[in-house]
C-alpha cells in the first residue's frame, strides 16, 4: 500500500476522474442521442447552446480542476517517487491529461467552433451536423473511456 500524501491524492484522482467519466458517458449516451433525434437545425442550435453553457465557471472549474489535480499528482509522484503505486499514479494522470483533456482540446473544441460559425439553419450547418454528431460523439467516447480508465488506475494505486 502507498503512504504519505499518495492515498489522499489517489482517492481524489479516482473520484474526480470518475466524475468526469460519468459526465462524458451520460453526454454520449443521453444528450447526443437526444440531439440526434431533433431536426438538424434544432440539433445545431441546441448543441451550440450547450457549448456556450459549458463555458460557465462551474463547469470550467470542474474540468480544469481535474486536469490540475492530475498534474499535481504527476508532479508530486515525480518529485517524491513513492516506493509503491508510482506507475499507477503516473498512468492515471497521463490517461486523463491525454485522453480527456487533450482530446477535448484537439478534437472536441475544434468541432464545436466549426459548428458555431454558421447560423444553425444555414445549409452548411445542416450539412455538417451528421458528421459532427458522429465524430464529436466518437471522441467523447474516448474521453469517457480515458477518464474511467484513469479512475480505475488511481484506485489501483491504493491497493
Protein backbone atom coordinates (compact mmCIF):
# COMPACT_ATOMS: atom_id res chain seq x y z
CA UNK A 1 0.00 0.00 0.00
CA UNK A 2 1.15 3.52 -0.72
CA UNK A 3 1.76 6.01 2.05
CA UNK A 4 2.47 9.70 2.55
CA UNK A 5 0.27 12.09 0.55
CA UNK A 6 -0.47 9.45 -2.07
CA UNK A 7 -3.58 7.76 -0.64
CA UNK A 8 -5.38 11.10 -0.48
CA UNK A 9 -4.15 12.13 -3.93
CA UNK A 10 -5.05 8.77 -5.45
CA UNK A 11 -8.51 8.86 -3.86
CA UNK A 12 -9.14 12.41 -5.07
CA UNK A 13 -7.85 11.46 -8.52
CA UNK A 14 -10.14 8.42 -8.68
CA UNK A 15 -13.17 10.43 -7.57
CA UNK A 16 -12.52 13.39 -9.85
CA UNK A 17 -11.73 11.41 -12.99
CA UNK A 18 -14.63 9.06 -12.23
CA UNK A 19 -16.95 12.06 -12.03
CA UNK A 20 -15.73 13.26 -15.42
CA UNK A 21 -16.13 9.75 -16.86
CA UNK A 22 -19.76 9.76 -15.77
CA UNK A 23 -20.33 13.20 -17.23
CA UNK A 24 -18.79 12.26 -20.58
CA UNK A 25 -20.62 8.92 -20.66
CA UNK A 26 -24.00 10.48 -19.89
CA UNK A 27 -23.43 13.06 -22.57
CA UNK A 28 -22.65 10.41 -25.20
CA UNK A 29 -25.43 8.03 -24.22
CA UNK A 30 -28.20 10.53 -23.47
CA UNK A 31 -27.61 14.07 -24.67
CA UNK A 32 -26.09 13.33 -28.07
CA UNK A 33 -28.75 10.73 -28.85
CA UNK A 34 -31.44 13.22 -27.92
CA UNK A 35 -29.87 15.89 -30.10
CA UNK A 36 -29.54 13.44 -32.99
CA UNK A 37 -33.30 12.84 -32.85
CA UNK A 38 -34.01 16.52 -33.49
CA UNK A 39 -34.19 18.12 -36.93
CA UNK A 40 -30.67 19.22 -37.90
CA UNK A 41 -31.16 22.98 -37.41
CA UNK A 42 -32.67 22.41 -33.95
CA UNK A 43 -29.88 20.00 -33.02
CA UNK A 44 -27.23 22.50 -34.10
CA UNK A 45 -28.91 25.30 -32.13
CA UNK A 46 -29.23 23.12 -29.04
CA UNK A 47 -25.62 21.92 -29.22
CA UNK A 48 -24.38 25.49 -29.65
CA UNK A 49 -26.39 26.49 -26.57
CA UNK A 50 -24.91 23.58 -24.61
CA UNK A 51 -21.40 24.52 -25.70
CA UNK A 52 -21.98 28.12 -24.60
CA UNK A 53 -23.25 26.98 -21.23
CA UNK A 54 -20.15 24.80 -20.79
CA UNK A 55 -18.09 27.97 -20.63
CA UNK A 56 -19.51 28.82 -17.21
CA UNK A 57 -17.30 29.00 -14.16
CA UNK A 58 -18.83 25.91 -12.56
CA UNK A 59 -18.01 23.57 -15.44
CA UNK A 60 -14.64 25.14 -16.17
CA UNK A 61 -13.58 24.83 -12.51
CA UNK A 62 -14.57 21.17 -12.57
CA UNK A 63 -12.99 20.36 -15.94
CA UNK A 64 -9.80 22.36 -15.41
CA UNK A 65 -9.64 21.45 -11.71
CA UNK A 66 -9.46 17.75 -12.53
CA UNK A 67 -6.65 18.44 -15.01
CA UNK A 68 -4.77 20.49 -12.40
CA UNK A 69 -5.25 17.71 -9.85
CA UNK A 70 -3.80 15.18 -12.32
CA UNK A 71 -0.80 17.46 -12.93
CA UNK A 72 -0.29 17.82 -9.17
CA UNK A 73 -0.43 14.05 -8.72
CA UNK A 74 2.11 13.54 -11.50
CA UNK A 75 4.49 16.23 -10.21
CA UNK A 76 4.32 15.04 -6.59
CA UNK A 77 4.89 11.48 -7.80
CA UNK A 78 7.95 12.51 -9.84
CA UNK A 79 9.40 14.62 -7.03
CA UNK A 80 8.86 12.20 -4.15
CA UNK A 81 8.88 8.92 -6.14
CA UNK A 82 6.93 6.62 -3.82
CA UNK A 83 8.00 3.04 -3.21
CA UNK A 84 4.60 1.73 -4.35
CA UNK A 85 1.99 2.90 -6.82
CA UNK A 86 4.25 5.10 -8.93
CA UNK A 87 3.22 3.58 -12.25
CA UNK A 88 -0.48 3.75 -11.36
CA UNK A 89 -0.29 7.38 -10.26
CA UNK A 90 1.60 8.46 -13.39
CA UNK A 91 -0.58 6.37 -15.70
CA UNK A 92 -3.79 7.74 -14.17
CA UNK A 93 -2.55 11.28 -14.74
CA UNK A 94 -1.47 10.55 -18.30
CA UNK A 95 -4.77 8.87 -19.16
CA UNK A 96 -6.83 11.84 -18.08
CA UNK A 97 -4.50 14.56 -19.32
CA UNK A 98 -4.06 13.00 -22.76
CA UNK A 99 -7.27 11.03 -23.21
CA UNK A 100 -9.77 13.50 -21.76
CA UNK A 101 -8.23 16.97 -21.51
CA UNK A 102 -6.03 16.61 -24.59
CA UNK A 103 -8.81 15.09 -26.71
CA UNK A 104 -11.09 17.94 -25.69
CA UNK A 105 -8.57 20.49 -26.90
CA UNK A 106 -7.59 18.81 -30.18
CA UNK A 107 -10.82 17.04 -31.20
CA UNK A 108 -13.99 18.27 -29.49
CA UNK A 109 -13.40 22.02 -29.20
CA UNK A 110 -12.42 22.49 -32.89
CA UNK A 111 -15.62 20.70 -33.91
CA UNK A 112 -17.63 22.91 -31.55
CA UNK A 113 -16.05 26.00 -33.08
CA UNK A 114 -16.79 24.78 -36.61
CA UNK A 115 -20.41 24.09 -35.68
CA UNK A 116 -20.82 27.55 -34.14
CA UNK A 117 -19.63 29.51 -37.20
CA UNK A 118 -22.71 29.30 -39.46
CA UNK A 119 -26.25 30.03 -38.32
CA UNK A 120 -27.97 26.84 -37.09
CA UNK A 121 -30.34 26.78 -40.06
CA UNK A 122 -27.65 27.60 -42.65
CA UNK A 123 -27.17 24.88 -45.29
CA UNK A 124 -23.53 24.32 -44.25
CA UNK A 125 -24.54 23.79 -40.60
CA UNK A 126 -27.31 21.38 -41.55
CA UNK A 127 -24.93 19.50 -43.88
CA UNK A 128 -22.17 19.35 -41.23
CA UNK A 129 -24.50 18.15 -38.44
CA UNK A 130 -24.41 14.38 -39.19
CA UNK A 131 -20.61 14.44 -39.46
CA UNK A 132 -20.36 16.49 -36.28
CA UNK A 133 -22.60 14.08 -34.37
CA UNK A 134 -20.62 11.05 -35.46
CA UNK A 135 -17.11 12.50 -34.95
CA UNK A 136 -17.80 14.52 -31.80
CA UNK A 137 -19.53 11.60 -30.11
CA UNK A 138 -16.74 9.20 -31.08
CA UNK A 139 -14.18 11.50 -29.47
CA UNK A 140 -16.43 11.96 -26.46
CA UNK A 141 -16.46 8.16 -26.04
CA UNK A 142 -12.65 8.34 -25.96
CA UNK A 143 -12.85 10.97 -23.22
CA UNK A 144 -15.27 8.81 -21.21
CA UNK A 145 -13.14 5.66 -21.52
CA UNK A 146 -9.90 7.52 -20.74
CA UNK A 147 -11.46 9.15 -17.67
CA UNK A 148 -12.87 5.84 -16.43
CA UNK A 149 -9.51 4.15 -17.00
CA UNK A 150 -7.79 6.94 -15.07
CA UNK A 151 -10.22 6.45 -12.18
CA UNK A 152 -9.57 2.71 -12.17
CA UNK A 153 -5.80 3.14 -12.29
CA UNK A 154 -5.83 5.71 -9.48
CA UNK A 155 -7.92 3.27 -7.43
CA UNK A 156 -5.40 0.50 -8.14
CA UNK A 157 -2.70 2.74 -6.66
CA UNK A 158 -4.49 2.42 -3.34
CA UNK A 159 -4.05 -1.37 -3.07
